[in-house]
N, C-alpha and C. Protein backbone atom coordinates (compact mmCIF):
# COMPACT_ATOMS: atom_id res chain seq x y z
N MET A 1 129.44 76.18 113.30
CA MET A 1 129.40 77.49 112.67
C MET A 1 128.46 77.48 111.45
N LYS A 2 128.55 76.42 110.63
CA LYS A 2 127.71 76.32 109.47
C LYS A 2 126.23 76.34 109.86
N LYS A 3 125.93 75.65 110.96
CA LYS A 3 124.55 75.58 111.44
C LYS A 3 124.07 76.98 111.85
N ASN A 4 124.94 77.75 112.50
CA ASN A 4 124.57 79.11 112.91
C ASN A 4 124.32 80.00 111.70
N ILE A 5 125.14 79.87 110.68
CA ILE A 5 124.96 80.67 109.47
C ILE A 5 123.64 80.30 108.80
N ARG A 6 123.37 79.00 108.72
CA ARG A 6 122.12 78.53 108.10
C ARG A 6 120.91 79.07 108.88
N GLN A 7 120.97 79.02 110.19
CA GLN A 7 119.87 79.53 111.02
C GLN A 7 119.70 81.05 110.85
N SER A 8 120.82 81.76 110.79
CA SER A 8 120.76 83.20 110.59
C SER A 8 120.14 83.54 109.23
N MET A 9 120.53 82.78 108.21
CA MET A 9 119.98 83.01 106.88
C MET A 9 118.48 82.75 106.86
N GLN A 10 118.05 81.70 107.51
CA GLN A 10 116.62 81.40 107.58
C GLN A 10 115.85 82.53 108.26
N GLN A 11 116.42 83.08 109.30
CA GLN A 11 115.79 84.20 110.00
C GLN A 11 115.71 85.44 109.11
N LEU A 12 116.81 85.73 108.42
CA LEU A 12 116.83 86.90 107.53
C LEU A 12 115.82 86.77 106.40
N LEU A 13 115.68 85.57 105.86
CA LEU A 13 114.75 85.36 104.76
C LEU A 13 113.29 85.54 105.20
N LYS A 14 113.02 85.29 106.46
CA LYS A 14 111.65 85.42 106.97
C LYS A 14 111.29 86.86 107.33
N LEU A 15 112.29 87.72 107.46
CA LEU A 15 112.03 89.10 107.85
C LEU A 15 111.33 89.86 106.73
N PRO A 16 110.54 90.87 107.10
CA PRO A 16 109.89 91.68 106.06
C PRO A 16 110.88 92.55 105.30
N VAL A 17 110.56 92.81 104.04
CA VAL A 17 111.38 93.69 103.21
C VAL A 17 111.30 95.10 103.78
N CYS A 18 112.44 95.78 103.86
CA CYS A 18 112.50 97.12 104.46
C CYS A 18 112.40 98.24 103.43
N ASP A 19 112.95 98.02 102.27
CA ASP A 19 113.04 99.07 101.25
C ASP A 19 111.71 99.22 100.52
N ASN A 20 111.14 100.43 100.54
CA ASN A 20 109.85 100.66 99.90
C ASN A 20 109.86 100.42 98.40
N SER A 21 110.98 100.69 97.74
CA SER A 21 111.04 100.45 96.30
C SER A 21 110.98 98.95 96.00
N ASP A 22 111.57 98.13 96.87
CA ASP A 22 111.47 96.68 96.70
C ASP A 22 110.05 96.20 96.94
N ILE A 23 109.40 96.76 97.94
CA ILE A 23 108.00 96.41 98.22
C ILE A 23 107.12 96.78 97.03
N ASP A 24 107.34 97.97 96.48
CA ASP A 24 106.58 98.41 95.30
C ASP A 24 106.80 97.46 94.12
N GLU A 25 108.05 97.04 93.93
CA GLU A 25 108.37 96.12 92.83
C GLU A 25 107.63 94.79 93.00
N LEU A 26 107.59 94.28 94.23
CA LEU A 26 106.87 93.03 94.50
C LEU A 26 105.38 93.20 94.23
N ARG A 27 104.84 94.32 94.60
CA ARG A 27 103.40 94.56 94.39
C ARG A 27 103.09 94.73 92.91
N GLN A 28 104.02 95.33 92.16
CA GLN A 28 103.81 95.53 90.71
C GLN A 28 103.70 94.20 89.96
N VAL A 29 104.36 93.18 90.46
CA VAL A 29 104.27 91.87 89.80
C VAL A 29 103.12 91.03 90.32
N GLY A 30 102.37 91.58 91.28
CA GLY A 30 101.16 90.91 91.73
C GLY A 30 101.20 90.29 93.11
N LEU A 31 102.29 90.46 93.85
CA LEU A 31 102.34 89.91 95.20
C LEU A 31 101.44 90.75 96.11
N LYS A 32 100.50 90.12 96.75
CA LYS A 32 99.50 90.84 97.55
C LYS A 32 99.78 90.80 99.05
N ALA A 33 100.90 90.22 99.47
CA ALA A 33 101.21 90.11 100.89
C ALA A 33 101.31 91.49 101.53
N LYS A 34 100.77 91.62 102.75
CA LYS A 34 100.84 92.90 103.46
C LYS A 34 102.28 93.23 103.85
N LYS A 35 103.02 92.21 104.26
CA LYS A 35 104.42 92.38 104.64
C LYS A 35 105.27 91.38 103.86
N PRO A 36 105.67 91.74 102.62
CA PRO A 36 106.48 90.80 101.83
C PRO A 36 107.80 90.50 102.53
N THR A 37 108.27 89.27 102.37
CA THR A 37 109.50 88.84 103.04
C THR A 37 110.70 88.93 102.10
N ASN A 38 111.88 88.88 102.71
CA ASN A 38 113.12 88.86 101.94
C ASN A 38 113.17 87.63 101.03
N SER A 39 112.60 86.54 101.46
CA SER A 39 112.55 85.33 100.65
C SER A 39 111.76 85.58 99.36
N GLU A 40 110.65 86.27 99.45
CA GLU A 40 109.86 86.61 98.27
C GLU A 40 110.62 87.56 97.35
N LEU A 41 111.34 88.48 97.92
CA LEU A 41 112.13 89.42 97.13
C LEU A 41 113.24 88.69 96.37
N ILE A 42 113.92 87.78 97.04
CA ILE A 42 114.99 87.02 96.39
C ILE A 42 114.42 86.15 95.28
N ALA A 43 113.26 85.56 95.52
CA ALA A 43 112.63 84.74 94.48
C ALA A 43 112.33 85.59 93.25
N LEU A 44 111.85 86.81 93.46
CA LEU A 44 111.57 87.70 92.33
C LEU A 44 112.85 88.06 91.59
N LYS A 45 113.91 88.39 92.32
CA LYS A 45 115.18 88.76 91.68
C LYS A 45 115.76 87.58 90.89
N LEU A 46 115.63 86.37 91.43
CA LEU A 46 116.10 85.18 90.73
C LEU A 46 115.29 84.98 89.45
N PHE A 47 113.98 85.14 89.55
CA PHE A 47 113.11 85.00 88.38
C PHE A 47 113.46 86.03 87.32
N GLU A 48 113.69 87.27 87.73
CA GLU A 48 114.04 88.33 86.78
C GLU A 48 115.37 88.03 86.09
N ALA A 49 116.33 87.51 86.83
CA ALA A 49 117.63 87.16 86.24
C ALA A 49 117.45 86.04 85.21
N ALA A 50 116.61 85.08 85.51
CA ALA A 50 116.33 83.99 84.57
C ALA A 50 115.64 84.53 83.32
N ARG A 51 114.73 85.47 83.49
CA ARG A 51 114.05 86.09 82.35
C ARG A 51 115.01 86.84 81.45
N ARG A 52 116.05 87.42 82.05
CA ARG A 52 117.06 88.14 81.26
C ARG A 52 117.99 87.18 80.54
N GLY A 53 117.88 85.91 80.82
CA GLY A 53 118.69 84.91 80.13
C GLY A 53 119.93 84.48 80.88
N GLU A 54 120.07 84.83 82.14
CA GLU A 54 121.23 84.39 82.91
C GLU A 54 121.10 82.89 83.17
N LEU A 55 121.99 82.13 82.59
CA LEU A 55 121.91 80.68 82.59
C LEU A 55 121.87 80.09 84.00
N SER A 56 122.71 80.57 84.89
CA SER A 56 122.73 80.00 86.24
C SER A 56 121.41 80.25 86.96
N ALA A 57 120.81 81.41 86.75
CA ALA A 57 119.51 81.71 87.36
C ALA A 57 118.42 80.83 86.76
N LEU A 58 118.46 80.64 85.45
CA LEU A 58 117.49 79.78 84.79
C LEU A 58 117.58 78.35 85.31
N LYS A 59 118.80 77.85 85.46
CA LYS A 59 118.99 76.50 86.00
C LYS A 59 118.40 76.39 87.41
N GLU A 60 118.64 77.39 88.22
CA GLU A 60 118.14 77.37 89.60
C GLU A 60 116.61 77.43 89.63
N VAL A 61 116.01 78.27 88.81
CA VAL A 61 114.54 78.36 88.75
C VAL A 61 113.96 77.01 88.32
N LEU A 62 114.55 76.41 87.30
CA LEU A 62 114.06 75.10 86.84
C LEU A 62 114.26 74.03 87.90
N ARG A 63 115.38 74.08 88.61
CA ARG A 63 115.63 73.11 89.69
C ARG A 63 114.60 73.26 90.81
N LEU A 64 114.35 74.49 91.20
CA LEU A 64 113.36 74.74 92.26
C LEU A 64 111.96 74.31 91.82
N GLU A 65 111.63 74.59 90.58
CA GLU A 65 110.31 74.22 90.06
C GLU A 65 110.15 72.70 90.02
N SER A 66 111.19 72.00 89.58
CA SER A 66 111.09 70.54 89.51
C SER A 66 110.99 69.94 90.92
N GLU A 67 111.68 70.55 91.89
CA GLU A 67 111.58 70.09 93.28
C GLU A 67 110.16 70.27 93.81
N SER A 68 109.56 71.41 93.50
CA SER A 68 108.23 71.70 94.02
C SER A 68 107.17 70.80 93.39
N GLU A 69 107.44 70.30 92.18
CA GLU A 69 106.51 69.41 91.52
C GLU A 69 106.80 67.95 91.85
N GLY A 70 107.86 67.70 92.61
CA GLY A 70 108.20 66.35 93.02
C GLY A 70 108.83 65.52 91.92
N GLU A 71 109.36 66.13 90.90
CA GLU A 71 110.01 65.39 89.83
C GLU A 71 111.29 64.75 90.36
N THR A 72 111.58 63.58 89.87
CA THR A 72 112.80 62.90 90.30
C THR A 72 113.90 62.99 89.26
N GLU A 73 113.55 63.26 88.01
CA GLU A 73 114.57 63.37 86.96
C GLU A 73 115.18 64.75 86.97
N GLY A 74 116.47 64.82 86.66
CA GLY A 74 117.15 66.10 86.58
C GLY A 74 116.82 66.83 85.30
N ILE A 75 117.13 68.09 85.27
CA ILE A 75 116.92 68.92 84.08
C ILE A 75 118.29 69.23 83.50
N THR A 76 118.43 69.04 82.21
CA THR A 76 119.69 69.33 81.54
C THR A 76 119.50 70.49 80.59
N ILE A 77 120.33 71.51 80.75
CA ILE A 77 120.30 72.66 79.84
C ILE A 77 121.61 72.64 79.08
N VAL A 78 121.50 72.66 77.77
CA VAL A 78 122.68 72.64 76.93
C VAL A 78 122.88 74.04 76.38
N ASP A 79 124.03 74.62 76.68
CA ASP A 79 124.36 75.95 76.18
C ASP A 79 125.15 75.76 74.90
N ASP A 80 124.44 75.81 73.76
CA ASP A 80 125.11 75.58 72.49
C ASP A 80 125.30 76.87 71.69
N ILE A 81 125.32 77.97 72.41
CA ILE A 81 125.49 79.27 71.75
C ILE A 81 126.96 79.69 71.78
N GLY A 82 127.84 78.78 72.10
CA GLY A 82 129.25 79.08 72.29
C GLY A 82 130.03 79.46 71.05
N GLY A 83 129.40 79.51 69.88
CA GLY A 83 130.10 79.96 68.69
C GLY A 83 130.66 78.84 67.82
N LYS A 84 130.35 77.61 68.15
CA LYS A 84 130.84 76.50 67.34
C LYS A 84 129.97 76.39 66.08
N ASN A 85 130.62 76.13 64.96
CA ASN A 85 129.89 75.98 63.69
C ASN A 85 129.63 74.50 63.43
N ASP A 86 128.47 74.21 62.85
CA ASP A 86 128.11 72.84 62.53
C ASP A 86 128.46 72.48 61.10
N ALA A 87 129.29 73.22 60.45
CA ALA A 87 129.60 73.01 59.03
C ALA A 87 130.39 71.82 58.76
């Protein structure tokens, strides 16, 4: 079953984006593909979430980037905004 879900997800990600507003959004950021895919749309949404400061999205973007560059060391993000005082 897991294999079927994975295969279905891969197929869905390869399909072209259907919503014209999503296509326009992809083009506004510079994507020149004639038929943008769902995978490209998800990458943009993940990037936008990271830009807004969503920690989990930022971690995922950094993980994907380090994978694409072939880095072997992990990336550590320390969230020290939790309100603790250093006094």
